[in-house]
Amino acid sequence: MTDKTIRGSDAFAPLGRPVMVYDSECAFCRRWVAVWRELTAEEVEYLPALEAQARIPGLEPESLAVAVHLVEPGGRVVRGAEAVARSLAAGKRGRALRLYLRHPAFGRVAEAAYRMVALHRGAMGWLDGLLFGEEGGRMGHQARRWLGEAIAGGPDRA
């Protein structure tokens, strides 16, 4: 879901790469950002919301509290499932974004699923921990990565 474009501010310097902004207080969020960070390698920067607010003007705390945001190098901001899909595409794993953009039903389902998880972070964090293990566990992280790769697809071919 596209939010807005940050521009025209003396404080905003164009970014060199996309920046994914996430809630570092959310265990579910931290676990999945660790997976996305691996899948996107150095192509995407990941910042906790408080740090991002200090570095990128124009981000609204209320909006950051309910969804991840992707700030693209030109200043465009997207959030939710679209932000996840675009960040994976920036990391050369574009299947999720292709599905999101080409098939409106996929995009609607992805956003609805994202909203459901976001609205129930505590329960989803508990369930995620139960299914895959807590943070720091190698087996749980590998299972999350497998699921993330299944969603994102393999690396795009040149």
Protein backbone atom coordinates (compact mmCIF):
# COMPACT_ATOMS: atom_id res chain seq x y z
CA MET A 1 0.00 0.00 0.00
CA THR A 2 1.65 3.23 -1.15
CA ASP A 3 1.72 5.90 1.52
CA LYS A 4 3.38 8.99 0.13
CA THR A 5 6.59 10.42 -1.20
CA ILE A 6 9.03 12.27 1.02
CA ARG A 7 10.59 15.14 -0.90
CA GLY A 8 11.09 18.84 -0.88
CA SER A 9 12.61 18.73 2.58
CA ASP A 10 16.07 20.12 3.17
CA ALA A 11 16.46 17.46 5.84
CA PHE A 12 15.80 14.57 3.44
CA ALA A 13 18.83 13.43 1.53
CA PRO A 14 18.09 10.84 -1.16
CA LEU A 15 18.95 7.36 0.02
CA GLY A 16 21.45 5.11 -1.68
CA ARG A 17 19.31 2.02 -1.22
CA PRO A 18 15.83 1.20 0.06
CA VAL A 19 15.34 1.37 3.83
CA MET A 20 12.94 -1.00 5.61
CA VAL A 21 11.63 0.55 8.82
CA TYR A 22 10.29 -1.84 11.45
CA ASP A 23 9.14 -2.00 15.06
CA SER A 24 12.12 -3.32 17.01
CA GLU A 25 9.91 -3.83 20.09
CA CYS A 26 7.92 -6.52 18.23
CA ALA A 27 9.47 -10.01 18.52
CA PHE A 28 7.60 -11.26 15.43
CA CYS A 29 8.93 -8.27 13.47
CA ARG A 30 12.53 -8.75 14.64
CA ARG A 31 12.49 -12.45 13.73
CA TRP A 32 11.18 -11.87 10.22
CA VAL A 33 13.42 -8.85 9.59
CA ALA A 34 16.38 -11.16 10.33
CA VAL A 35 15.16 -13.46 7.54
CA TRP A 36 14.50 -10.61 5.09
CA ARG A 37 17.93 -9.16 5.87
CA GLU A 38 19.54 -12.43 4.76
CA LEU A 39 17.36 -12.74 1.67
CA THR A 40 18.06 -9.19 0.49
CA ALA A 41 21.77 -9.18 1.40
CA GLU A 42 23.16 -5.64 1.25
CA GLU A 43 20.50 -4.36 -1.15
CA VAL A 44 18.15 -3.13 1.61
CA GLU A 45 18.99 -1.34 4.86
CA TYR A 46 16.92 -2.21 7.94
CA LEU A 47 16.28 0.39 10.63
CA PRO A 48 14.27 0.27 13.85
CA ALA A 49 11.46 2.85 13.76
CA LEU A 50 12.96 5.20 16.35
CA GLU A 51 16.29 5.33 14.54
CA ALA A 52 14.58 5.83 11.18
CA GLN A 53 12.46 8.72 12.49
CA ALA A 54 15.63 10.53 13.52
CA ARG A 55 17.27 9.91 10.14
CA ILE A 56 14.35 10.19 7.71
CA PRO A 57 12.02 13.15 8.24
CA GLY A 58 8.34 12.83 7.42
CA LEU A 59 7.76 9.33 8.80
CA GLU A 60 4.68 9.31 11.03
CA PRO A 61 5.05 7.46 14.36
CA GLU A 62 1.38 6.35 14.31
CA SER A 63 1.83 4.72 10.92
CA LEU A 64 5.16 3.13 11.87
CA ALA A 65 3.49 1.54 14.89
CA VAL A 66 1.18 -0.59 12.72
CA ALA A 67 3.23 -1.67 9.70
CA VAL A 68 6.70 -1.96 8.24
CA HIS A 69 7.56 0.84 5.82
CA LEU A 70 9.92 0.79 2.87
CA VAL A 71 11.46 4.14 1.97
CA GLU A 72 12.79 3.93 -1.57
CA PRO A 73 15.85 5.93 -2.70
CA GLY A 74 13.72 8.63 -4.38
CA GLY A 75 11.64 9.11 -1.23
CA ARG A 76 8.55 7.05 -2.09
CA VAL A 77 7.18 5.26 0.98
CA VAL A 78 5.16 2.04 0.88
CA ARG A 79 4.01 -0.05 3.81
CA GLY A 80 2.62 -3.42 4.79
CA ALA A 81 2.71 -6.36 2.38
CA GLU A 82 3.72 -4.12 -0.52
CA ALA A 83 6.76 -2.94 1.47
CA VAL A 84 7.79 -6.53 2.12
CA ALA A 85 7.33 -7.49 -1.56
CA ARG A 86 9.26 -4.45 -2.80
CA SER A 87 12.10 -5.02 -0.33
CA LEU A 88 12.45 -8.62 -1.47
CA ALA A 89 12.46 -7.47 -5.09
CA ALA A 90 15.22 -4.97 -4.28
CA GLY A 91 17.16 -7.98 -3.00
CA LYS A 92 16.73 -9.69 -6.38
CA ARG A 93 13.82 -11.86 -5.24
CA GLY A 94 10.96 -10.42 -7.22
CA ARG A 95 8.36 -13.21 -7.31
CA ALA A 96 6.24 -11.76 -4.48
CA LEU A 97 6.24 -8.29 -6.08
CA ARG A 98 5.36 -9.67 -9.51
CA LEU A 99 2.41 -11.53 -7.99
CA TYR A 100 1.41 -8.47 -5.96
CA LEU A 101 1.41 -6.17 -9.00
CA ARG A 102 0.08 -8.53 -11.68
CA HIS A 103 -2.70 -10.19 -9.74
CA PRO A 104 -4.90 -7.77 -7.78
CA ALA A 105 -6.43 -10.65 -5.78
CA PHE A 106 -2.95 -11.67 -4.57
CA GLY A 107 -2.28 -8.10 -3.44
CA ARG A 108 -5.58 -7.89 -1.57
CA VAL A 109 -5.00 -11.24 0.15
CA ALA A 110 -1.41 -10.30 1.02
CA GLU A 111 -2.52 -6.97 2.54
CA ALA A 112 -5.37 -8.65 4.47
CA ALA A 113 -2.98 -11.28 5.84
CA TYR A 114 -0.50 -8.55 6.76
CA ARG A 115 -3.21 -6.57 8.59
CA MET A 116 -4.33 -9.68 10.47
CA VAL A 117 -0.79 -10.36 11.67
CA ALA A 118 -0.22 -6.68 12.52
CA LEU A 119 -3.44 -6.47 14.54
CA HIS A 120 -2.51 -9.59 16.51
CA ARG A 121 1.26 -9.16 16.86
CA GLY A 122 1.39 -10.58 20.37
CA ALA A 123 -0.49 -13.74 19.46
CA MET A 124 1.35 -14.10 16.15
CA GLY A 125 4.67 -13.63 17.92
CA TRP A 126 3.71 -16.35 20.38
CA LEU A 127 2.57 -18.68 17.58
CA ASP A 128 5.68 -17.94 15.51
CA GLY A 129 7.85 -18.67 18.55
CA LEU A 130 5.95 -21.89 19.24
CA LEU A 131 6.23 -23.10 15.63
CA PHE A 132 9.73 -21.92 14.78
CA GLY A 133 11.40 -21.18 18.12
CA GLU A 134 12.48 -18.00 19.79
CA GLU A 135 15.08 -15.54 18.54
CA GLY A 136 18.61 -16.83 18.37
CA GLY A 137 17.61 -20.43 17.67
CA ARG A 138 19.30 -21.74 14.54
CA MET A 139 16.63 -24.31 13.67
CA GLY A 140 13.79 -21.80 14.01
CA HIS A 141 15.64 -19.25 11.93
CA GLN A 142 16.33 -21.83 9.21
CA ALA A 143 12.62 -22.77 9.13
CA ARG A 144 11.64 -19.09 8.82
CA ARG A 145 14.21 -18.64 6.07
CA TRP A 146 12.83 -21.64 4.19
CA LEU A 147 9.33 -20.16 4.41
CA GLY A 148 10.63 -16.72 3.40
CA GLU A 149 12.37 -18.22 0.36
CA ALA A 150 9.21 -20.09 -0.57
CA ILE A 151 7.32 -16.79 -0.58
CA ALA A 152 10.03 -14.65 -2.14
CA GLY A 153 11.26 -17.16 -4.68
CA GLY A 154 14.85 -17.84 -5.55
CA PRO A 155 17.23 -15.14 -6.71
CA ASP A 156 16.09 -13.48 -9.93
CA ARG A 157 18.09 -14.41 -13.00
CA ALA A 158 19.93 -11.64 -14.78
